[in-house]
Protein backbone atom coordinates (compact mmCIF):
# COMPACT_ATOMS: atom_id res chain seq x y z
CA MET A 1 54.74 77.62 96.01
CA SER A 2 56.31 80.34 94.13
CA ASP A 3 58.53 79.09 90.72
CA TRP A 4 62.05 80.01 92.55
CA GLY A 5 60.53 77.90 95.44
CA ARG A 6 60.05 75.04 93.21
CA TRP A 7 63.38 75.39 91.55
CA ARG A 8 65.07 75.77 94.88
CA TYR A 9 63.92 71.96 96.14
CA ARG A 10 63.97 70.24 92.94
CA SER A 11 67.03 68.13 93.54
CA GLN A 12 65.47 67.30 97.03
CA ARG A 13 62.98 63.82 96.88
CA PHE A 14 59.87 64.26 99.40
CA ASP A 15 57.96 61.53 100.70
CA SER A 16 55.22 64.28 101.60
CA ILE A 17 54.38 67.91 102.11
CA SER A 18 52.22 70.21 104.25
CA ALA A 19 51.48 73.82 103.79
CA GLY A 20 50.39 76.06 106.33
CA SER A 21 49.75 79.92 106.39
CA PHE A 22 53.12 81.36 106.26
CA PHE A 23 55.72 78.40 105.59
CA THR A 24 55.85 75.04 103.98
CA CYS A 25 57.63 71.57 105.22
CA GLY A 26 58.15 68.27 103.41
CA ILE A 27 59.22 65.12 105.16
CA LEU A 28 62.04 63.74 102.67
CA THR A 29 62.70 60.40 101.57
CA ASP A 30 65.33 59.82 104.17
CA GLY A 31 62.81 60.70 107.02
CA SER A 32 64.30 64.27 107.98
CA VAL A 33 62.34 67.47 107.82
CA MET A 34 63.08 70.45 105.48
CA CYS A 35 60.84 73.83 106.01
CA TRP A 36 61.05 76.98 103.97
CA GLY A 37 59.03 79.88 103.87
CA TYR A 38 58.77 82.83 106.21
CA PRO A 39 59.12 83.38 109.99
CA GLU A 40 55.74 85.80 110.22
CA GLN A 41 54.68 87.73 113.37
CA GLU A 42 51.89 86.08 115.34
CA ASN A 43 48.44 87.23 114.25
CA GLY A 44 49.94 88.64 110.70
CA THR A 45 50.92 91.85 112.33
CA HIS A 46 53.03 92.35 109.45
CA ARG A 47 52.01 95.63 107.12
CA GLU A 48 53.56 96.38 103.82
CA SER A 49 54.24 99.95 104.91
CA ASP A 50 56.89 98.08 107.80
CA HIS A 51 59.48 97.80 104.58
CA ARG A 52 60.99 95.05 106.05
CA ASP A 53 63.08 92.82 103.67
CA TRP A 54 61.39 89.49 103.12
CA SER A 55 64.05 86.62 101.91
CA GLU A 56 63.97 83.10 101.46
CA TRP A 57 64.21 81.34 104.80
CA ILE A 58 65.31 77.86 105.59
CA ALA A 59 64.78 76.88 108.93
CA ASN A 60 68.26 76.04 110.13
CA PRO A 61 68.30 74.50 113.74
CA ALA A 62 71.58 76.18 114.69
CA ALA A 63 70.21 79.97 114.19
CA ASP A 64 68.31 81.83 116.74
CA TYR A 65 64.77 83.22 116.23
CA THR A 66 63.14 85.18 118.62
CA GLY A 67 60.08 83.20 119.61
CA TRP A 68 60.92 80.76 117.09
CA VAL A 69 61.57 76.71 117.59
CA ASN A 70 63.54 75.66 114.66
CA THR A 71 62.97 72.81 112.60
CA PRO A 72 64.14 69.37 114.08
CA PRO A 73 67.59 68.34 113.02
CA SER A 74 68.22 66.08 110.02
CA THR A 75 69.28 63.32 112.37
CA VAL A 76 65.81 62.86 113.78
CA LYS A 77 63.73 60.81 111.37
CA PHE A 78 59.45 60.93 111.09
CA LYS A 79 56.93 58.62 109.85
CA PRO A 80 55.83 59.35 106.31
CA GLY A 81 52.79 61.35 105.91
CA SER A 82 52.34 62.24 109.49
CA LEU A 83 53.64 65.85 108.78
CA SER A 84 51.51 68.74 109.54
CA VAL A 85 51.75 72.41 109.25
CA GLY A 86 49.07 74.94 110.87
CA ASN A 87 49.23 78.58 110.89
CA TYR A 88 52.48 79.50 112.91
CA HIS A 89 53.72 76.04 114.01
CA ALA A 90 54.48 72.04 112.60
CA CYS A 91 54.21 68.70 114.03
CA ALA A 92 55.24 65.38 113.01
CA ILE A 93 55.36 62.05 114.61
CA LYS A 94 58.87 60.52 114.97
CA THR A 95 59.91 56.78 113.82
CA ASN A 96 59.47 55.88 117.50
CA GLY A 97 56.13 57.39 117.83
CA GLU A 98 56.93 60.38 119.81
CA LEU A 99 55.29 63.64 118.51
CA VAL A 100 57.34 66.68 117.75
CA CYS A 101 56.21 70.48 117.21
CA TRP A 102 58.17 73.23 116.18
CA GLY A 103 57.43 76.99 114.69
CA LYS A 104 55.90 80.01 116.64
CA ALA A 105 56.06 79.67 120.56
CA GLY A 106 52.90 80.40 122.91
CA ASP A 107 49.72 79.16 123.66
CA ALA A 108 51.42 75.97 124.74
CA ARG A 109 51.20 74.82 121.20
CA LEU A 110 54.59 73.41 121.16
CA VAL A 111 54.34 71.66 124.59
CA ILE A 112 53.82 67.89 123.87
CA PRO A 113 51.33 65.97 126.38
CA ASP A 114 52.79 63.44 128.28
CA ASP A 115 51.85 59.85 130.38
CA ASN A 116 52.51 61.01 134.08
CA GLY A 117 55.79 62.25 132.96
CA ALA A 118 56.39 59.75 130.38
CA ALA A 119 56.77 60.49 126.46
CA ILE A 120 53.73 58.98 124.55
CA THR A 121 54.91 56.85 121.72
CA ASP A 122 51.91 55.43 119.94
CA TRP A 123 50.67 58.45 118.29
CA THR A 124 49.37 57.69 114.80
CA MET A 125 48.04 61.19 113.56
CA VAL A 126 48.38 64.81 114.23
CA GLU A 127 46.56 68.00 112.82
CA ALA A 128 48.24 71.60 113.46
CA GLY A 129 45.91 74.17 113.55
CA PHE A 130 45.39 77.72 113.93
CA ALA A 131 47.05 78.14 117.64
CA ASN A 132 46.81 74.63 118.54
CA ALA A 133 47.24 70.80 117.65
CA CYS A 134 45.11 67.64 117.97
CA ALA A 135 46.52 64.26 117.72
CA ILE A 136 45.33 60.72 117.54
CA ARG A 137 46.77 57.69 119.64
CA LYS A 138 46.97 54.35 118.61
CA ASP A 139 43.62 53.52 121.08
CA GLY A 140 41.76 56.16 118.71
CA SER A 141 41.57 58.67 121.63
CA VAL A 142 42.16 62.55 120.52
CA VAL A 143 44.20 64.79 122.81
CA CYS A 144 44.41 68.03 121.67
CA PHE A 145 46.85 70.94 123.04
CA GLY A 146 47.53 74.67 122.69
CA ARG A 147 45.60 77.77 123.04
CA GLN A 148 42.32 76.97 124.81
CA SER A 149 39.79 80.12 123.82
CA HIS A 150 36.68 79.16 122.77
CA ASN A 151 36.97 75.52 123.85
CA ARG A 152 39.09 74.84 120.66
CA SER A 153 41.28 72.33 122.10
CA ALA A 154 38.61 70.79 124.41
CA GLY A 155 38.88 67.42 122.05
CA PRO A 156 35.87 65.16 121.60
CA ILE A 157 34.26 63.85 124.74
CA GLY A 158 32.91 60.71 123.10
CA ALA A 159 34.67 57.26 123.25
CA GLY A 160 35.61 56.90 119.66
CA PRO A 161 37.71 55.14 118.55
CA PHE A 162 38.63 58.15 116.14
CA VAL A 163 40.32 57.83 112.83
CA ASP A 164 40.93 61.33 111.68
CA VAL A 165 40.65 65.03 113.13
CA THR A 166 40.54 68.61 111.41
CA LEU A 167 41.15 72.17 113.07
CA ALA A 168 39.08 75.32 111.98
CA LEU A 169 39.77 79.00 113.50
CA TYR A 170 38.19 78.38 116.53
CA ASN A 171 36.75 74.71 116.64
CA GLY A 172 37.64 71.25 115.39
CA CYS A 173 35.91 68.02 114.58
CA ALA A 174 36.75 64.43 114.98
CA LEU A 175 35.64 61.41 112.62
CA ALA A 176 35.00 58.29 114.41
CA LYS A 177 35.49 54.52 112.92
CA ASP A 178 31.65 54.21 112.55
CA GLY A 179 31.39 57.06 110.36
CA SER A 180 29.83 59.63 113.04
CA VAL A 181 31.45 62.94 113.44
CA GLU A 182 31.96 64.80 116.69
CA CYS A 183 32.95 68.82 116.79
CA TRP A 184 33.73 70.81 119.64
CA GLY A 185 34.35 74.71 120.25
CA GLY A 186 33.58 77.50 118.60
CA HIS A 187 30.24 78.28 120.01
CA SER A 188 30.73 81.96 121.60
CA ALA A 189 27.65 83.89 120.39
CA TYR A 190 28.51 87.31 118.44
CA ASN A 191 29.03 90.18 120.44
CA ASN A 192 28.41 88.01 123.44
CA PRO A 193 31.65 85.70 124.12
CA LEU A 194 31.70 83.16 126.82
CA PRO A 195 33.52 83.99 130.11
CA GLY A 196 37.27 83.87 129.54
CA ASP A 197 36.71 84.24 125.52
CA SER A 198 39.01 86.85 124.52
CA ASP A 199 37.40 87.45 120.92
CA SER A 200 33.79 88.34 119.98
CA ARG A 201 33.96 87.30 116.45
CA SER A 202 32.33 84.30 116.70
CA PRO A 203 28.59 84.32 114.74
CA ASN A 204 25.50 83.77 116.46
CA VAL A 205 25.41 80.56 114.85
CA GLN A 206 26.09 76.74 115.70
CA ILE A 207 29.45 76.14 114.00
CA ASN A 208 30.58 72.84 116.04
CA THR A 209 27.54 70.77 115.27
CA ALA A 210 27.97 68.31 111.78
CA PRO A 211 24.80 66.96 110.17
CA ALA A 212 23.43 64.09 112.13
CA GLY A 213 22.43 60.93 110.86
CA VAL A 214 25.33 60.69 108.08
CA LYS A 215 28.06 58.76 107.80
CA PHE A 216 31.24 60.24 106.89
CA THR A 217 34.49 58.36 105.32
CA ALA A 218 36.38 62.01 105.23
CA ILE A 219 36.24 65.27 106.91
CA GLU A 220 37.90 68.83 106.66
CA MET A 221 37.68 72.23 108.09
CA SER A 222 38.69 75.49 107.03
CA ALA A 223 42.02 76.20 109.08
CA THR A 224 41.45 80.02 109.10
CA ASP A 225 37.66 79.97 108.84
CA LEU A 226 34.78 78.76 110.42
CA TYR A 227 33.31 75.77 108.51
CA GLY A 228 33.73 72.26 107.52
CA CYS A 229 33.05 69.48 105.10
CA GLY A 230 32.46 66.25 104.72
CA LEU A 231 32.73 63.09 102.40
CA ALA A 232 29.49 60.80 102.84
CA GLU A 233 29.84 57.09 102.39
CA ASP A 234 27.21 57.51 99.18
CA GLY A 235 29.83 59.87 97.92
CA THR A 236 27.90 63.01 98.63
CA ILE A 237 29.19 66.34 100.25
CA HIS A 238 27.98 67.81 103.28
CA CYS A 239 28.95 70.91 104.97
CA TRP A 240 28.24 72.88 108.12
CA GLY A 241 29.62 76.13 109.79
CA TRP A 242 28.85 79.83 109.74
CA GLN A 243 26.79 80.61 106.76
CA LEU A 244 26.03 84.32 107.57
CA ALA A 245 28.52 85.98 105.33
CA TYR A 246 29.23 83.85 102.70
CA PRO A 247 26.37 80.89 102.45
CA SER A 248 28.27 79.96 99.09
CA GLN A 249 31.06 78.37 101.13
CA THR A 250 28.78 75.53 102.87
CA THR A 251 26.41 75.12 99.70
CA ALA A 252 27.80 72.02 98.39
CA PRO A 253 27.32 70.80 94.90
CA ALA A 254 25.46 67.72 93.97
CA GLY A 255 26.82 64.14 92.93
CA SER A 256 29.16 61.69 94.17
CA PHE A 257 32.64 62.64 94.89
CA ALA A 258 36.04 60.86 95.56
CA SER A 259 37.81 63.17 97.63
CA ILE A 260 37.53 67.44 99.03
CA SER A 261 39.60 70.15 99.60
CA VAL A 262 38.68 72.85 102.20
CA GLY A 263 39.97 76.37 101.76
CA SER A 264 39.06 79.58 103.46
CA PHE A 265 36.84 80.90 100.76
CA ALA A 266 36.32 78.10 98.30
CA ASN A 267 36.35 74.24 98.21
CA CYS A 268 37.16 71.45 95.60
CA ALA A 269 36.32 68.12 95.18
CA LEU A 270 37.36 65.49 92.48
CA ASP A 271 34.58 62.98 91.53
CA ALA A 272 35.49 59.41 90.27
CA ASP A 273 36.80 60.26 86.87
CA ASN A 274 39.19 62.91 88.46
CA ALA A 275 36.56 65.98 87.25
CA LEU A 276 37.36 68.80 89.35
CA THR A 277 34.03 70.97 90.95
CA CYS A 278 34.54 73.81 93.06
CA TRP A 279 32.17 76.00 95.11
CA GLY A 280 32.58 79.10 97.22
CA ILE A 281 33.77 82.51 96.80
CA ASP A 282 35.39 83.67 93.38
CA ASP A 283 34.69 87.50 93.54
CA GLY A 284 31.92 87.34 91.25
CA GLY A 285 33.47 85.06 88.91
CA LEU A 286 37.42 86.75 89.15
CA PHE A 287 39.29 83.79 88.56
CA THR A 288 36.65 81.93 86.52
CA PRO A 289 36.96 83.82 83.08
CA PRO A 290 34.88 83.43 80.04
CA MET A 291 35.21 80.71 77.66
CA GLY A 292 36.17 81.30 74.02
CA ALA A 293 39.69 82.47 72.08
CA PHE A 294 41.65 85.65 73.42
CA GLU A 295 44.76 87.59 72.50
CA GLN A 296 45.31 90.15 75.24
CA THR A 297 43.88 90.69 78.46
CA ASP A 298 44.64 93.03 81.52
CA GLY A 299 43.16 93.43 85.12
CA GLY A 300 41.94 96.01 87.53
CA ASP A 301 41.13 96.13 91.05
CA GLY A 302 39.04 92.85 91.17
CA PHE A 303 38.18 93.00 87.44
CA SER A 304 39.98 91.90 84.21
CA CYS A 305 39.04 92.59 80.75
CA ALA A 306 40.22 90.56 77.51
CA LEU A 307 40.11 91.12 73.66
CA ASN A 308 38.85 87.87 71.95
CA SER A 309 39.81 86.70 68.30
CA ASP A 310 37.01 89.00 67.16
CA GLY A 311 38.16 92.12 68.39
CA ASN A 312 35.56 92.15 70.66
CA ILE A 313 36.16 93.27 74.59
CA VAL A 314 34.76 91.01 77.32
CA CYS A 315 35.19 91.99 81.16
CA TRP A 316 34.39 90.06 84.01
CA GLY A 317 34.75 89.93 88.03
CA GLY A 318 32.90 90.65 90.97
CA ARG A 319 33.15 94.27 91.15
CA ASN A 320 31.04 96.70 88.84
CA GLY A 321 30.38 99.65 91.10
CA TRP A 322 31.96 101.95 88.74
CA LYS A 323 30.47 100.47 85.74
CA GLN A 324 34.18 99.09 84.77
CA LEU A 325 32.41 96.13 83.75
CA ASN A 326 30.45 97.96 81.11
CA ALA A 327 32.78 97.25 78.27
CA PRO A 328 31.68 98.98 74.69
CA ALA A 329 29.54 96.73 72.75
CA THR A 330 30.62 98.29 69.23
CA GLY A 331 33.72 98.37 67.72
CA THR A 332 36.41 96.46 66.81
CA PHE A 333 39.59 96.73 69.08
CA ILE A 334 43.13 95.92 69.26
CA GLN A 335 44.60 96.12 72.96
CA VAL A 336 42.72 96.53 76.12
CA SER A 337 44.36 97.99 79.60
CA SER A 338 42.49 98.04 82.78
CA GLY A 339 43.37 100.84 85.70
CA HIS A 340 41.66 100.24 89.04
CA VAL A 341 38.26 101.26 88.38
CA HIS A 342 37.91 101.82 84.81
CA ALA A 343 39.61 100.83 81.35
CA CYS A 344 40.26 101.75 78.12
CA ALA A 345 40.87 100.28 74.59
CA LEU A 346 42.51 100.91 71.62
CA LYS A 347 40.35 100.43 68.35
CA SER A 348 41.54 99.53 65.03
CA ASP A 349 41.22 103.01 63.59
CA GLY A 350 43.77 104.35 66.55
CA THR A 351 41.07 106.11 68.51
CA VAL A 352 40.67 105.15 72.09
CA ALA A 353 37.30 104.16 74.03
CA CYS A 354 37.09 104.16 77.98
CA TRP A 355 34.58 103.26 80.30
CA GLY A 356 33.85 102.83 84.17
CA GLY A 357 35.08 105.28 86.46
CA VAL A 358 31.79 106.69 87.25
CA GLY A 359 31.64 107.37 91.12
CA PRO A 360 28.81 105.40 92.68
CA ALA A 361 26.40 106.81 95.34
CA GLY A 362 28.03 107.45 98.45
CA THR A 363 31.30 108.46 97.30
CA ASN A 364 32.62 111.98 97.11
CA ILE A 365 32.49 112.17 93.27
CA ALA A 366 29.14 110.37 93.14
CA GLY A 367 27.93 110.60 89.33
CA GLN A 368 30.99 112.01 88.18
CA THR A 369 33.27 110.29 85.82
CA ILE A 370 37.32 110.22 86.69
CA ALA A 371 39.14 111.95 84.23
CA ALA A 372 41.25 108.66 83.38
CA ALA A 373 38.26 107.24 81.57
CA VAL A 374 37.64 110.76 79.25
CA PRO A 375 39.93 109.75 76.30
CA PRO A 376 41.77 112.52 74.01
CA THR A 377 40.98 113.05 70.76
CA GLY A 378 43.73 111.88 68.36
CA THR A 379 44.90 108.38 67.26
CA PHE A 380 47.44 106.10 69.33
CA THR A 381 49.54 102.67 68.66
CA THR A 382 48.99 101.58 72.19
CA LEU A 383 47.85 102.60 75.97
CA ASP A 384 48.44 101.43 79.21
CA ALA A 385 45.94 102.22 81.99
CA GLY A 386 46.98 102.99 85.47
CA PRO A 387 45.32 103.54 88.84
CA ASP A 388 43.98 106.58 88.21
CA LEU A 389 45.86 107.77 85.01
CA THR A 390 45.93 106.40 81.81
CA CYS A 391 48.79 107.10 79.30
CA GLY A 392 49.05 106.52 75.56
CA ILE A 393 51.65 106.86 72.31
CA LYS A 394 50.38 108.94 69.41
CA THR A 395 50.60 107.49 65.92
CA ASP A 396 53.62 110.42 65.64
CA GLY A 397 55.39 108.73 68.68
CA THR A 398 54.76 110.75 71.41
CA ILE A 399 53.31 110.23 74.69
CA GLU A 400 49.79 112.07 76.04
CA CYS A 401 48.28 111.42 79.29
CA TRP A 402 45.25 111.87 81.09
CA GLY A 403 43.60 111.72 84.30
CA ASN A 404 44.96 112.31 87.84
CA ASP A 405 47.23 115.27 87.96
CA SER A 406 49.17 114.50 90.87
CA HIS A 407 52.84 113.42 91.39
CA ASP A 408 53.79 115.42 88.59
CA ARG A 409 52.66 112.73 86.46
CA LEU A 410 51.10 114.67 83.47
CA ASN A 411 54.57 116.61 82.71
CA GLU A 412 55.15 114.05 79.64
CA PRO A 413 58.85 114.08 78.82
CA SER A 414 59.69 114.91 74.85
CA GLY A 415 60.99 112.58 72.49
CA THR A 416 59.44 109.47 70.71
CA PHE A 417 58.38 106.30 72.33
CA SER A 418 57.49 102.83 72.02
CA HIS A 419 56.21 101.24 75.38
CA VAL A 420 54.75 103.14 78.18
CA ALA A 421 53.87 101.65 81.76
CA VAL A 422 51.73 103.86 84.37
CA GLY A 423 52.00 102.63 87.96
CA ALA A 424 50.65 104.50 91.08
CA THR A 425 52.83 107.56 91.25
CA HIS A 426 55.38 107.42 88.60
CA ILE A 427 55.45 106.04 84.48
CA CYS A 428 57.97 104.61 82.70
CA ALA A 429 58.38 104.38 78.87
CA ILE A 430 60.76 102.89 76.10
CA LYS A 431 62.09 105.70 74.02
CA SER A 432 62.61 104.91 70.05
CA ASP A 433 66.32 104.19 70.99
CA GLN A 434 65.38 101.45 73.37
CA SER A 435 66.47 103.62 76.27
CA ILE A 436 64.03 104.01 79.43
CA VAL A 437 62.92 106.98 81.09
CA CYS A 438 60.81 107.55 84.12
CA TRP A 439 58.91 110.44 85.47
CA GLY A 440 56.59 111.49 88.30
CA GLU A 441 57.15 111.07 92.02
CA THR A 442 58.99 108.21 94.21
CA ILE A 443 57.23 107.28 97.52
CA PHE A 444 59.56 106.62 100.11
CA PHE A 445 58.80 105.83 103.81
CA ASP A 446 60.10 108.13 106.60
CA ARG A 447 59.20 106.93 109.44
CA GLU A 448 61.29 109.08 111.57
CA GLY A 449 59.96 112.21 110.33
CA ASP A 450 63.51 113.75 109.21
CA GLY A 451 62.83 113.86 105.49
CA THR A 452 65.28 111.44 104.77
CA PRO A 453 63.96 107.87 103.44
CA ASP A 454 64.66 104.63 105.16
CA ASP A 455 67.05 102.47 104.26
CA ILE A 456 66.69 99.36 106.17
CA GLY A 457 69.05 96.72 105.74
CA GLY A 458 70.80 98.31 102.86
CA LYS A 459 67.58 97.91 100.70
CA GLY A 460 67.13 101.20 100.04
CA ASN A 461 63.62 102.78 99.47
CA HIS A 462 61.29 103.50 96.59
CA THR A 463 63.53 104.36 93.37
CA SER A 464 60.50 103.86 90.90
CA THR A 465 61.62 106.71 88.90
CA ILE A 466 65.29 106.10 88.28
CA SER A 467 65.57 104.32 85.27
CA PRO A 468 68.13 101.07 85.41
CA SER A 469 71.73 102.08 84.55
CA GLY A 470 74.06 100.21 82.02
CA ALA A 471 73.70 100.12 77.82
CA HIS A 472 71.19 97.28 77.61
CA ARG A 473 68.21 98.45 75.44
CA TYR A 474 64.78 97.33 76.23
CA ILE A 475 61.68 95.56 74.45
CA ASP A 476 58.97 95.40 77.29
CA ILE A 477 57.72 97.34 80.22
CA THR A 478 55.19 96.93 83.11
CA ALA A 479 54.63 99.27 86.04
CA GLY A 480 53.67 98.27 89.54
CA GLU A 481 52.09 100.41 92.50
CA GLY A 482 56.05 101.31 93.50
CA HIS A 483 58.34 99.33 90.96
CA THR A 484 58.82 98.77 87.41
CA CYS A 485 60.00 95.74 85.43
CA ALA A 486 60.97 95.24 81.81
CA ILE A 487 62.71 92.85 79.36
CA ARG A 488 66.31 93.70 78.12
CA ASP A 489 66.92 93.24 74.53
CA ASP A 490 68.66 90.04 75.52
CA LYS A 491 65.94 88.81 76.97
CA LYS A 492 66.82 88.98 80.83
CA ALA A 493 64.36 90.53 82.94
CA VAL A 494 64.70 92.97 85.56
CA CYS A 495 62.98 95.09 87.87
CA TRP A 496 63.95 98.15 90.31
CA GLY A 497 62.00 100.31 92.51
CA TYR A 498 60.40 99.17 95.93
CA HIS A 499 61.95 95.91 96.64
CA ALA A 500 61.83 95.13 100.28
CA ASP A 501 59.49 92.07 99.46
CA SER A 502 62.03 90.76 96.91
CA ARG A 503 59.71 91.95 93.85
CA TYR A 504 62.78 92.94 91.96
CA ALA A 505 64.39 89.46 92.35
CA VAL A 506 63.69 87.93 89.06
CA PRO A 507 64.41 84.15 88.69
CA GLY A 508 67.10 83.47 86.27
CA GLY A 509 67.88 87.21 85.78
CA SER A 510 71.27 89.16 85.42
CA ASP A 511 71.62 89.30 88.68
CA ASP A 512 69.92 86.48 90.01
CA ALA A 513 71.55 85.60 93.31
CA GLN A 514 69.58 82.01 93.63
CA GLY A 515 71.56 80.88 90.77
CA PHE A 516 68.86 79.53 88.75
CA GLY A 517 70.73 79.55 85.48
CA ASP A 518 70.25 81.60 82.31
CA ILE A 519 66.33 82.43 81.32
CA ASN A 520 65.09 84.18 78.61
CA TYR A 521 61.63 85.92 78.44
CA VAL A 522 59.11 86.95 76.15
CA ASP A 523 56.31 88.67 78.21
CA ILE A 524 55.80 90.15 81.80
CA ALA A 525 53.37 91.84 83.96
CA THR A 526 53.43 93.12 87.30
CA GLY A 527 50.22 94.59 89.25
CA GLY A 528 50.46 95.81 92.89
CA ASN A 529 52.71 93.34 94.35
CA PRO A 530 52.94 89.99 92.04
CA ASN A 531 55.24 89.54 89.19
CA CYS A 532 54.96 87.10 86.33
CA ALA A 533 57.12 86.58 83.29
CA ILE A 534 56.79 83.88 80.42
CA ARG A 535 60.11 81.76 79.51
CA GLU A 536 60.95 81.56 75.78
CA SER A 537 61.95 78.24 75.73
CA ASP A 538 58.51 76.45 76.49
CA GLY A 539 56.17 79.21 77.51
CA SER A 540 55.84 78.34 81.03
CA LEU A 541 55.63 80.92 83.98
CA SER A 542 58.48 82.30 86.55
CA CYS A 543 56.78 84.07 89.38
CA TRP A 544 58.06 86.03 92.26
CA ASN A 545 57.48 88.14 95.36
CA ASN A 546 58.69 86.57 98.54
CA GLU A 547 56.17 88.36 100.67
CA LYS A 548 53.03 87.94 98.78
CA SER A 549 52.81 84.46 97.86
CA GLN A 550 49.03 84.44 98.10
CA TYR A 551 48.98 86.04 94.87
CA LEU A 552 51.33 83.42 92.81
CA PRO A 553 49.99 80.66 90.61
CA SER A 554 49.46 77.17 92.23
CA SER A 555 51.56 74.42 91.13
CA GLU A 556 49.00 73.23 88.55
CA ILE A 557 49.68 76.64 86.90
CA LEU A 558 53.21 77.00 87.22
CA ALA A 559 53.44 73.07 85.38
CA MET A 560 51.79 74.46 82.28
CA THR A 561 53.44 75.81 79.23
CA GLY A 562 52.34 77.55 75.93
CA PHE A 563 51.45 81.11 77.44
CA GLN A 564 51.36 83.62 75.15
CA SER A 565 50.75 87.06 77.25
CA LEU A 566 49.89 88.04 80.53
CA GLY A 567 47.99 90.75 82.13
CA ALA A 568 47.82 91.96 86.14
CA GLY A 569 45.42 93.32 88.30
CA THR A 570 46.09 94.64 91.70
CA ARG A 571 46.15 91.40 93.28
CA HIS A 572 45.39 88.87 90.65
CA MET A 573 46.78 87.99 87.31
CA CYS A 574 45.58 86.21 84.20
CA GLY A 575 47.23 84.77 81.24
CA ILE A 576 46.40 83.50 77.94
CA ASP A 577 47.34 79.71 77.26
CA SER A 578 48.27 78.15 74.17
CA GLU A 579 44.92 77.73 72.80
CA GLY A 580 43.85 80.98 73.60
CA GLY A 581 41.97 80.50 76.81
CA LEU A 582 41.97 82.36 79.82
CA VAL A 583 43.49 81.20 83.00
CA CYS A 584 43.48 83.53 86.40
CA TRP A 585 44.86 83.03 89.67
CA GLY A 586 45.61 85.73 92.75
CA ALA A 587 43.98 86.96 95.62
CA ALA A 588 40.57 88.65 95.45
CA GLY A 589 41.16 90.62 98.70
CA VAL A 590 37.93 92.46 99.84
CA ILE A 591 34.92 90.10 98.27
CA PRO A 592 31.91 92.45 98.36
CA TYR A 593 30.00 89.93 95.79
CA PRO A 594 30.20 86.29 96.75
CA ALA A 595 29.42 84.19 94.27
CA ARG A 596 29.16 80.25 93.38
CA PHE A 597 31.54 79.15 90.82
CA THR A 598 32.06 75.54 89.11
CA ALA A 599 35.04 74.29 87.20
CA SER A 600 34.34 71.48 84.88
CA THR A 601 37.68 70.47 84.38
CA ALA A 602 40.44 70.03 85.73
CA LEU A 603 43.81 72.34 84.71
CA PRO A 604 46.04 70.42 82.41
């Protein structure tokens, strides 16, 4: 959950919560339900180019959402811990034992089964899945409803009794009281679907069979993927399902564990001492940074680099096709900055070294080096690498940029500067008098083809080259793909540019409509979408971007204090904690190099 969301509900007291793909719900201590998130279109058809405004959404029974059935009113009370949120819908059991579902209508996922027209009042648990749900009655029978393709709502044929049920993308499994597991659905062959199946993506493997002869105490499946894992009576973990693309997901670690959690790309388990072990896909270690003490970090597209306390640079991540991980082995450095496929670093003598950006085989620049990775001569005091352009402030205070000359970005302004930030098509810099100047091109949407930028809902369009108005001075600046953020001299953070997904809505900012109060910041970073800043009071994080919540840190990271600095990649971010260690979060995007990863201890 984002930081502003955590603040928004801190005055409420919850008994339990459940997070789905696009919204989260919780049962309050009074038994009522509250939901927050985004009423997303079905099948995830939203794209950033739609340029829609995403603001905070709280389910309102009085409102009319097309195709969306809202949360039950506060007068309806639910059993503690009976809530489950799926992809587009949620279900919970009322105190009288009846089952209620709400969310995205369709596929009969909100049509509760009855008993010959009479409401069933002995439900004991429910699991909401991608487009269906399964619930268990008091006698241990399992009843499923919702989308029927791939037999995902067939349910078990065994007598049970069953004590737990879990759902994956195309199939489900139920845990019987005797520890056995029965699975169903998801058995279409690759490119050879069963009659009536509309989706041929199911792999040519059997994904609906749990290991035989194993007695389980808990099972869980990935709600948006094709595999599951179970905890056996002896504490060992067994996984089953799709192993064609990413076998690391189903290669469980050895040892004895007390609990498990299964995600789309990665899984984690706690042992009896609460030590954390994770396995699955980490984009070649993108979110498992190197150990040691570091002073500064910055990220690119699927990789990151950091400057350690010895002045050396270490790069990590799953993407090295452009040699962006090949940091120089010699030299003492004082700053590093990463572009999409290259990085540059400032040496202690003021000269610049760059690496990466070498076109791999099969590209239209095979064997060539992009210009952003070819530094100029001279000495600099700071630099910033953008997607395909790098800029630095020379020792005389002037700006020099090198790389792709598109969007008029190499037309550097005159004057002297202290900070520079490179975006996708624009650049902004802080002048010596602490004012801001921006140049390059503003990218805007013109879906009607009339040459006029779209203005949807009064939110305007990309205005990345228009710096903030007013008399304030600025002390720090960072640029994303279509927006810019800065910290003012009064330590308030502001953002401008493309803001349809609220990447401009800084918590505690001068114009904060959420009313979070007065917050001062000491460092700020933005990538393609995510934004985070460090609070001056305790070194904790504020992160915001209402549309791209998958890029935001987990609640464990948001609970940390003492962050010293931040560095953002395209879809991920890393911070340096109070001990100089690296902590990373975000979304890896397309993952070409699956890798097994293990975290030996839980985050503080």
